[in-house]
Amino acid sequence: MIQPGGSFREEFSRLVKAMGRWRDTEPDALLALWATFVEQCEQGYSGEAEDYFNDLTVRADLEKAMTDAGLQKFPELAQLRAVVVTLDERFRALLLPDAFPRMQNWWARGVVKSAKRRLVEELRRDFHIEGMEVK
């Protein structure tokens, strides 16, 4: 719940904590996590499927913050959104777009086209995802 009178950083962090994230709750921290994840995917994500799906939760938390009514009054939100949009464009370019068609959000519906062997093999075996390449 947003409490009036706090700074953007405080209100953002309070909201993200209320969503269940217990660390890296400040705007810069979440942006850094999303940027790092996108960079890892560009280089060939080397973790396993559980790590990949866990790392995607950062983008979901950013979405919830960007659409929260209480944060709309802060001009810093537009700056955060602009960075997210740029990172999203990079990430979208890496995806097989409908690997998980029942997922609501585009970032969770898709999966990276190429990754290190571990993730590719795990997604093929466990989710029958085809079309990925080992990077």
N, C-alpha and C. Protein backbone atom coordinates (compact mmCIF):
# COMPACT_ATOMS: atom_id res chain seq x y z
N MET A 1 0.85 -1.17 0.00
CA MET A 1 0.00 0.00 0.00
C MET A 1 0.89 1.24 0.00
N ILE A 2 0.65 2.14 -0.92
CA ILE A 2 1.42 3.38 -1.00
C ILE A 2 0.96 4.32 0.10
N GLN A 3 1.93 4.88 0.81
CA GLN A 3 1.61 5.83 1.86
C GLN A 3 2.02 7.22 1.39
N PRO A 4 1.13 8.19 1.48
CA PRO A 4 1.42 9.52 0.97
C PRO A 4 2.62 10.15 1.67
N GLY A 5 3.36 10.93 0.90
CA GLY A 5 4.44 11.71 1.48
C GLY A 5 5.82 11.12 1.33
N GLY A 6 5.95 9.88 0.91
CA GLY A 6 7.26 9.28 0.75
C GLY A 6 7.88 9.63 -0.59
N SER A 7 9.17 9.42 -0.69
CA SER A 7 9.86 9.64 -1.96
C SER A 7 9.53 8.48 -2.91
N PHE A 8 9.84 8.67 -4.18
CA PHE A 8 9.62 7.61 -5.16
C PHE A 8 10.35 6.35 -4.74
N ARG A 9 11.59 6.50 -4.35
CA ARG A 9 12.40 5.34 -3.96
C ARG A 9 11.76 4.60 -2.78
N GLU A 10 11.32 5.34 -1.78
CA GLU A 10 10.69 4.72 -0.62
C GLU A 10 9.38 4.02 -0.98
N GLU A 11 8.55 4.71 -1.75
CA GLU A 11 7.26 4.15 -2.12
C GLU A 11 7.41 2.95 -3.05
N PHE A 12 8.34 3.02 -3.99
CA PHE A 12 8.62 1.91 -4.89
C PHE A 12 9.07 0.70 -4.09
N SER A 13 10.01 0.91 -3.20
CA SER A 13 10.55 -0.17 -2.38
C SER A 13 9.47 -0.78 -1.48
N ARG A 14 8.64 0.06 -0.90
CA ARG A 14 7.56 -0.43 -0.04
C ARG A 14 6.61 -1.31 -0.85
N LEU A 15 6.26 -0.88 -2.06
CA LEU A 15 5.37 -1.64 -2.92
C LEU A 15 5.98 -2.99 -3.29
N VAL A 16 7.23 -2.97 -3.70
CA VAL A 16 7.90 -4.20 -4.13
C VAL A 16 8.05 -5.18 -2.95
N LYS A 17 8.33 -4.66 -1.78
CA LYS A 17 8.39 -5.52 -0.60
C LYS A 17 7.03 -6.14 -0.31
N ALA A 18 5.97 -5.36 -0.47
CA ALA A 18 4.61 -5.86 -0.23
C ALA A 18 4.24 -6.96 -1.22
N MET A 19 4.88 -6.97 -2.39
CA MET A 19 4.64 -8.00 -3.40
C MET A 19 5.41 -9.28 -3.08
N GLY A 20 6.29 -9.22 -2.06
CA GLY A 20 6.99 -10.43 -1.64
C GLY A 20 8.48 -10.45 -1.91
N ARG A 21 9.01 -9.44 -2.57
CA ARG A 21 10.46 -9.40 -2.81
C ARG A 21 11.11 -8.91 -1.52
N TRP A 22 12.09 -9.64 -1.04
CA TRP A 22 12.69 -9.28 0.25
C TRP A 22 14.05 -8.62 0.14
N ARG A 23 14.62 -8.58 -1.07
CA ARG A 23 15.87 -7.84 -1.26
C ARG A 23 15.83 -7.22 -2.65
N ASP A 24 16.77 -6.32 -2.92
CA ASP A 24 16.81 -5.62 -4.20
C ASP A 24 15.46 -5.00 -4.52
N THR A 25 14.95 -4.21 -3.60
CA THR A 25 13.60 -3.66 -3.74
C THR A 25 13.59 -2.22 -4.25
N GLU A 26 14.73 -1.60 -4.35
CA GLU A 26 14.76 -0.21 -4.81
C GLU A 26 14.75 -0.17 -6.34
N PRO A 27 14.29 0.93 -6.92
CA PRO A 27 14.17 1.01 -8.38
C PRO A 27 15.48 0.70 -9.12
N ASP A 28 16.57 1.29 -8.67
CA ASP A 28 17.86 1.05 -9.35
C ASP A 28 18.29 -0.40 -9.25
N ALA A 29 18.00 -1.02 -8.13
CA ALA A 29 18.38 -2.43 -7.95
C ALA A 29 17.59 -3.33 -8.90
N LEU A 30 16.29 -3.09 -9.02
CA LEU A 30 15.49 -3.92 -9.94
C LEU A 30 15.89 -3.67 -11.39
N LEU A 31 16.15 -2.42 -11.74
CA LEU A 31 16.61 -2.13 -13.10
C LEU A 31 17.93 -2.83 -13.39
N ALA A 32 18.83 -2.81 -12.43
CA ALA A 32 20.12 -3.47 -12.61
C ALA A 32 19.95 -4.97 -12.79
N LEU A 33 19.04 -5.56 -12.04
CA LEU A 33 18.79 -7.00 -12.18
C LEU A 33 18.23 -7.32 -13.56
N TRP A 34 17.29 -6.51 -14.04
CA TRP A 34 16.71 -6.75 -15.36
C TRP A 34 17.76 -6.55 -16.45
N ALA A 35 18.58 -5.52 -16.32
CA ALA A 35 19.65 -5.27 -17.30
C ALA A 35 20.65 -6.42 -17.32
N THR A 36 21.01 -6.91 -16.16
CA THR A 36 21.96 -8.02 -16.08
C THR A 36 21.37 -9.28 -16.70
N PHE A 37 20.11 -9.54 -16.43
CA PHE A 37 19.46 -10.71 -17.01
C PHE A 37 19.43 -10.61 -18.54
N VAL A 38 19.06 -9.46 -19.07
CA VAL A 38 19.02 -9.28 -20.52
C VAL A 38 20.42 -9.48 -21.11
N GLU A 39 21.44 -8.93 -20.47
CA GLU A 39 22.82 -9.11 -20.95
C GLU A 39 23.22 -10.58 -20.91
N GLN A 40 22.85 -11.29 -19.85
CA GLN A 40 23.16 -12.72 -19.77
C GLN A 40 22.48 -13.49 -20.89
N CYS A 41 21.27 -13.11 -21.21
CA CYS A 41 20.54 -13.78 -22.30
C CYS A 41 21.17 -13.45 -23.64
N GLU A 42 21.64 -12.25 -23.82
CA GLU A 42 22.32 -11.88 -25.07
C GLU A 42 23.60 -12.69 -25.27
N GLN A 43 24.27 -13.00 -24.17
CA GLN A 43 25.52 -13.74 -24.24
C GLN A 43 25.30 -15.25 -24.26
N GLY A 44 24.09 -15.66 -23.96
CA GLY A 44 23.77 -17.09 -23.86
C GLY A 44 23.59 -17.44 -22.40
N TYR A 45 22.35 -17.42 -21.94
CA TYR A 45 22.05 -17.66 -20.53
C TYR A 45 22.65 -18.99 -20.10
N SER A 46 23.40 -18.98 -19.02
CA SER A 46 24.13 -20.18 -18.62
C SER A 46 23.51 -20.93 -17.44
N GLY A 47 22.48 -20.37 -16.86
CA GLY A 47 21.85 -21.04 -15.72
C GLY A 47 20.89 -22.12 -16.18
N GLU A 48 20.23 -22.72 -15.21
CA GLU A 48 19.25 -23.75 -15.51
C GLU A 48 17.86 -23.11 -15.59
N ALA A 49 16.87 -23.90 -15.94
CA ALA A 49 15.52 -23.39 -16.16
C ALA A 49 14.96 -22.71 -14.90
N GLU A 50 15.17 -23.30 -13.75
CA GLU A 50 14.65 -22.69 -12.51
C GLU A 50 15.23 -21.29 -12.32
N ASP A 51 16.52 -21.13 -12.59
CA ASP A 51 17.15 -19.81 -12.48
C ASP A 51 16.55 -18.84 -13.49
N TYR A 52 16.39 -19.30 -14.72
CA TYR A 52 15.84 -18.46 -15.78
C TYR A 52 14.46 -17.95 -15.39
N PHE A 53 13.57 -18.84 -14.98
CA PHE A 53 12.21 -18.43 -14.63
C PHE A 53 12.20 -17.56 -13.38
N ASN A 54 13.08 -17.83 -12.44
CA ASN A 54 13.20 -16.99 -11.26
C ASN A 54 13.67 -15.58 -11.63
N ASP A 55 14.64 -15.50 -12.53
CA ASP A 55 15.15 -14.19 -12.95
C ASP A 55 14.07 -13.37 -13.66
N LEU A 56 13.14 -14.04 -14.31
CA LEU A 56 12.04 -13.33 -14.98
C LEU A 56 11.11 -12.62 -14.01
N THR A 57 11.11 -13.02 -12.75
CA THR A 57 10.23 -12.38 -11.78
C THR A 57 10.56 -10.90 -11.61
N VAL A 58 11.80 -10.53 -11.90
CA VAL A 58 12.19 -9.12 -11.82
C VAL A 58 11.34 -8.29 -12.78
N ARG A 59 11.15 -8.80 -13.99
CA ARG A 59 10.36 -8.05 -14.98
C ARG A 59 8.91 -7.95 -14.53
N ALA A 60 8.38 -9.00 -13.93
CA ALA A 60 7.01 -8.95 -13.43
C ALA A 60 6.88 -7.91 -12.31
N ASP A 61 7.85 -7.84 -11.43
CA ASP A 61 7.82 -6.85 -10.35
C ASP A 61 7.91 -5.43 -10.91
N LEU A 62 8.74 -5.25 -11.93
CA LEU A 62 8.82 -3.93 -12.57
C LEU A 62 7.48 -3.55 -13.19
N GLU A 63 6.82 -4.50 -13.81
CA GLU A 63 5.52 -4.23 -14.43
C GLU A 63 4.50 -3.80 -13.39
N LYS A 64 4.47 -4.51 -12.28
CA LYS A 64 3.51 -4.17 -11.22
C LYS A 64 3.79 -2.76 -10.70
N ALA A 65 5.04 -2.41 -10.55
CA ALA A 65 5.39 -1.07 -10.07
C ALA A 65 5.02 -0.01 -11.12
N MET A 66 5.29 -0.30 -12.38
CA MET A 66 5.02 0.69 -13.43
C MET A 66 3.53 0.93 -13.63
N THR A 67 2.70 -0.01 -13.22
CA THR A 67 1.26 0.14 -13.39
C THR A 67 0.54 0.46 -12.08
N ASP A 68 1.28 0.59 -11.02
CA ASP A 68 0.68 0.91 -9.73
C ASP A 68 0.16 2.35 -9.71
N ALA A 69 -1.08 2.51 -9.34
CA ALA A 69 -1.71 3.84 -9.34
C ALA A 69 -0.99 4.82 -8.41
N GLY A 70 -0.52 4.35 -7.29
CA GLY A 70 0.14 5.23 -6.32
C GLY A 70 1.49 5.76 -6.77
N LEU A 71 2.14 5.07 -7.69
CA LEU A 71 3.45 5.53 -8.17
C LEU A 71 3.34 6.45 -9.39
N GLN A 72 2.16 6.56 -9.97
CA GLN A 72 1.99 7.35 -11.19
C GLN A 72 2.30 8.83 -10.99
N LYS A 73 2.19 9.32 -9.78
CA LYS A 73 2.42 10.74 -9.50
C LYS A 73 3.90 11.13 -9.55
N PHE A 74 4.78 10.15 -9.54
CA PHE A 74 6.21 10.44 -9.48
C PHE A 74 6.82 10.56 -10.88
N PRO A 75 7.50 11.66 -11.16
CA PRO A 75 8.14 11.80 -12.48
C PRO A 75 9.25 10.75 -12.70
N GLU A 76 9.81 10.24 -11.64
CA GLU A 76 10.86 9.22 -11.75
C GLU A 76 10.34 7.94 -12.41
N LEU A 77 9.03 7.72 -12.30
CA LEU A 77 8.45 6.52 -12.90
C LEU A 77 8.61 6.54 -14.42
N ALA A 78 8.47 7.70 -15.03
CA ALA A 78 8.65 7.80 -16.49
C ALA A 78 10.08 7.47 -16.87
N GLN A 79 11.04 7.88 -16.08
CA GLN A 79 12.45 7.58 -16.34
C GLN A 79 12.69 6.08 -16.23
N LEU A 80 12.15 5.48 -15.19
CA LEU A 80 12.28 4.04 -15.00
C LEU A 80 11.65 3.30 -16.19
N ARG A 81 10.45 3.72 -16.57
CA ARG A 81 9.74 3.09 -17.68
C ARG A 81 10.57 3.17 -18.97
N ALA A 82 11.21 4.29 -19.23
CA ALA A 82 12.01 4.46 -20.44
C ALA A 82 13.17 3.47 -20.47
N VAL A 83 13.80 3.24 -19.34
CA VAL A 83 14.89 2.27 -19.28
C VAL A 83 14.35 0.86 -19.50
N VAL A 84 13.23 0.55 -18.87
CA VAL A 84 12.62 -0.78 -19.02
C VAL A 84 12.25 -1.02 -20.49
N VAL A 85 11.68 -0.03 -21.15
CA VAL A 85 11.29 -0.18 -22.56
C VAL A 85 12.52 -0.50 -23.42
N THR A 86 13.61 0.16 -23.19
CA THR A 86 14.84 -0.10 -23.94
C THR A 86 15.35 -1.52 -23.70
N LEU A 87 15.35 -1.94 -22.45
CA LEU A 87 15.78 -3.30 -22.12
C LEU A 87 14.81 -4.33 -22.70
N ASP A 88 13.52 -4.02 -22.64
CA ASP A 88 12.51 -4.93 -23.19
C ASP A 88 12.72 -5.14 -24.69
N GLU A 89 13.03 -4.08 -25.41
CA GLU A 89 13.27 -4.21 -26.85
C GLU A 89 14.41 -5.19 -27.12
N ARG A 90 15.46 -5.08 -26.34
CA ARG A 90 16.60 -5.99 -26.49
C ARG A 90 16.18 -7.43 -26.18
N PHE A 91 15.40 -7.60 -25.10
CA PHE A 91 14.99 -8.93 -24.69
C PHE A 91 14.02 -9.56 -25.70
N ARG A 92 13.06 -8.78 -26.18
CA ARG A 92 12.10 -9.31 -27.18
C ARG A 92 12.81 -9.86 -28.40
N ALA A 93 13.89 -9.21 -28.80
CA ALA A 93 14.63 -9.65 -29.98
C ALA A 93 15.27 -11.02 -29.78
N LEU A 94 15.40 -11.46 -28.55
CA LEU A 94 16.05 -12.72 -28.23
C LEU A 94 15.08 -13.90 -28.12
N LEU A 95 13.77 -13.63 -28.18
CA LEU A 95 12.78 -14.63 -27.82
C LEU A 95 12.19 -15.43 -28.97
N LEU A 96 11.92 -16.69 -28.66
CA LEU A 96 10.94 -17.46 -29.40
C LEU A 96 9.63 -17.03 -28.74
N PRO A 97 8.77 -16.30 -29.42
CA PRO A 97 7.71 -15.56 -28.74
C PRO A 97 6.60 -16.35 -28.05
N ASP A 98 6.24 -17.52 -28.50
CA ASP A 98 5.09 -18.20 -27.90
C ASP A 98 5.42 -19.60 -27.40
N ALA A 99 6.53 -19.74 -26.73
CA ALA A 99 6.92 -21.04 -26.19
C ALA A 99 5.95 -21.50 -25.10
N PHE A 100 5.41 -20.57 -24.35
CA PHE A 100 4.46 -20.85 -23.28
C PHE A 100 3.20 -20.02 -23.53
N PRO A 101 2.38 -20.41 -24.49
CA PRO A 101 1.28 -19.56 -24.94
C PRO A 101 0.23 -19.22 -23.88
N ARG A 102 0.15 -19.97 -22.83
CA ARG A 102 -0.86 -19.70 -21.80
C ARG A 102 -0.42 -18.64 -20.79
N MET A 103 0.84 -18.26 -20.84
CA MET A 103 1.33 -17.24 -19.92
C MET A 103 0.78 -15.88 -20.34
N GLN A 104 0.44 -15.07 -19.37
CA GLN A 104 -0.20 -13.79 -19.64
C GLN A 104 0.78 -12.75 -20.19
N ASN A 105 1.96 -12.66 -19.64
CA ASN A 105 2.90 -11.60 -20.00
C ASN A 105 3.86 -12.05 -21.09
N TRP A 106 4.16 -11.16 -22.01
CA TRP A 106 4.99 -11.51 -23.17
C TRP A 106 6.35 -12.06 -22.75
N TRP A 107 6.95 -11.53 -21.70
CA TRP A 107 8.29 -11.97 -21.30
C TRP A 107 8.26 -13.40 -20.73
N ALA A 108 7.13 -13.83 -20.22
CA ALA A 108 7.01 -15.19 -19.71
C ALA A 108 6.50 -16.16 -20.77
N ARG A 109 5.81 -15.63 -21.77
CA ARG A 109 5.31 -16.47 -22.88
C ARG A 109 6.45 -16.93 -23.77
N GLY A 110 7.43 -16.08 -23.94
CA GLY A 110 8.57 -16.43 -24.79
C GLY A 110 9.68 -17.07 -24.00
N VAL A 111 10.66 -17.55 -24.76
CA VAL A 111 11.87 -18.09 -24.16
C VAL A 111 13.01 -17.74 -25.10
N VAL A 112 14.20 -17.58 -24.56
CA VAL A 112 15.32 -17.18 -25.41
C VAL A 112 15.56 -18.20 -26.52
N LYS A 113 15.91 -17.68 -27.70
CA LYS A 113 16.16 -18.53 -28.87
C LYS A 113 17.42 -19.35 -28.70
N SER A 114 18.40 -18.76 -28.01
CA SER A 114 19.65 -19.48 -27.81
C SER A 114 20.14 -19.26 -26.38
N ALA A 115 20.80 -20.29 -25.88
CA ALA A 115 21.31 -20.26 -24.51
C ALA A 115 22.42 -21.31 -24.40
N LYS A 116 23.02 -21.36 -23.27
CA LYS A 116 24.02 -22.41 -23.04
C LYS A 116 23.32 -23.76 -22.98
N ARG A 117 24.08 -24.79 -23.18
CA ARG A 117 23.56 -26.15 -23.32
C ARG A 117 22.59 -26.55 -22.20
N ARG A 118 22.92 -26.24 -20.97
CA ARG A 118 22.10 -26.68 -19.83
C ARG A 118 20.64 -26.23 -19.97
N LEU A 119 20.43 -24.94 -20.24
CA LEU A 119 19.07 -24.43 -20.34
C LEU A 119 18.35 -25.00 -21.56
N VAL A 120 19.03 -25.05 -22.69
CA VAL A 120 18.41 -25.59 -23.91
C VAL A 120 17.96 -27.03 -23.69
N GLU A 121 18.83 -27.85 -23.15
CA GLU A 121 18.49 -29.27 -22.94
C GLU A 121 17.36 -29.42 -21.93
N GLU A 122 17.40 -28.63 -20.87
CA GLU A 122 16.37 -28.73 -19.84
C GLU A 122 14.99 -28.31 -20.40
N LEU A 123 14.95 -27.24 -21.18
CA LEU A 123 13.68 -26.79 -21.74
C LEU A 123 13.16 -27.77 -22.78
N ARG A 124 14.04 -28.38 -23.53
CA ARG A 124 13.61 -29.41 -24.49
C ARG A 124 13.03 -30.62 -23.75
N ARG A 125 13.75 -31.06 -22.73
CA ARG A 125 13.35 -32.26 -22.00
C ARG A 125 12.08 -32.04 -21.19
N ASP A 126 12.04 -30.95 -20.42
CA ASP A 126 10.95 -30.75 -19.46
C ASP A 126 9.71 -30.08 -20.06
N PHE A 127 9.91 -29.25 -21.09
CA PHE A 127 8.79 -28.48 -21.63
C PHE A 127 8.57 -28.71 -23.13
N HIS A 128 9.39 -29.58 -23.71
CA HIS A 128 9.27 -29.91 -25.13
C HIS A 128 9.39 -28.67 -26.01
N ILE A 129 10.26 -27.74 -25.62
CA ILE A 129 10.50 -26.52 -26.39
C ILE A 129 11.48 -26.86 -27.50
N GLU A 130 11.08 -26.63 -28.71
CA GLU A 130 11.94 -26.84 -29.88
C GLU A 130 12.27 -25.50 -30.50
N GLY A 131 13.32 -25.47 -31.28
CA GLY A 131 13.71 -24.25 -31.99
C GLY A 131 14.78 -23.45 -31.29
N MET A 132 15.23 -23.90 -30.13
CA MET A 132 16.31 -23.22 -29.43
C MET A 132 17.65 -23.74 -29.94
N GLU A 133 18.65 -22.88 -29.87
CA GLU A 133 20.00 -23.25 -30.27
C GLU A 133 20.93 -23.15 -29.07
N VAL A 134 21.95 -23.97 -29.09
CA VAL A 134 22.99 -23.88 -28.06
C VAL A 134 23.98 -22.80 -28.50
N LYS A 135 24.23 -21.89 -27.61
CA LYS A 135 25.14 -20.77 -27.90
C LYS A 135 26.49 -21.03 -27.29
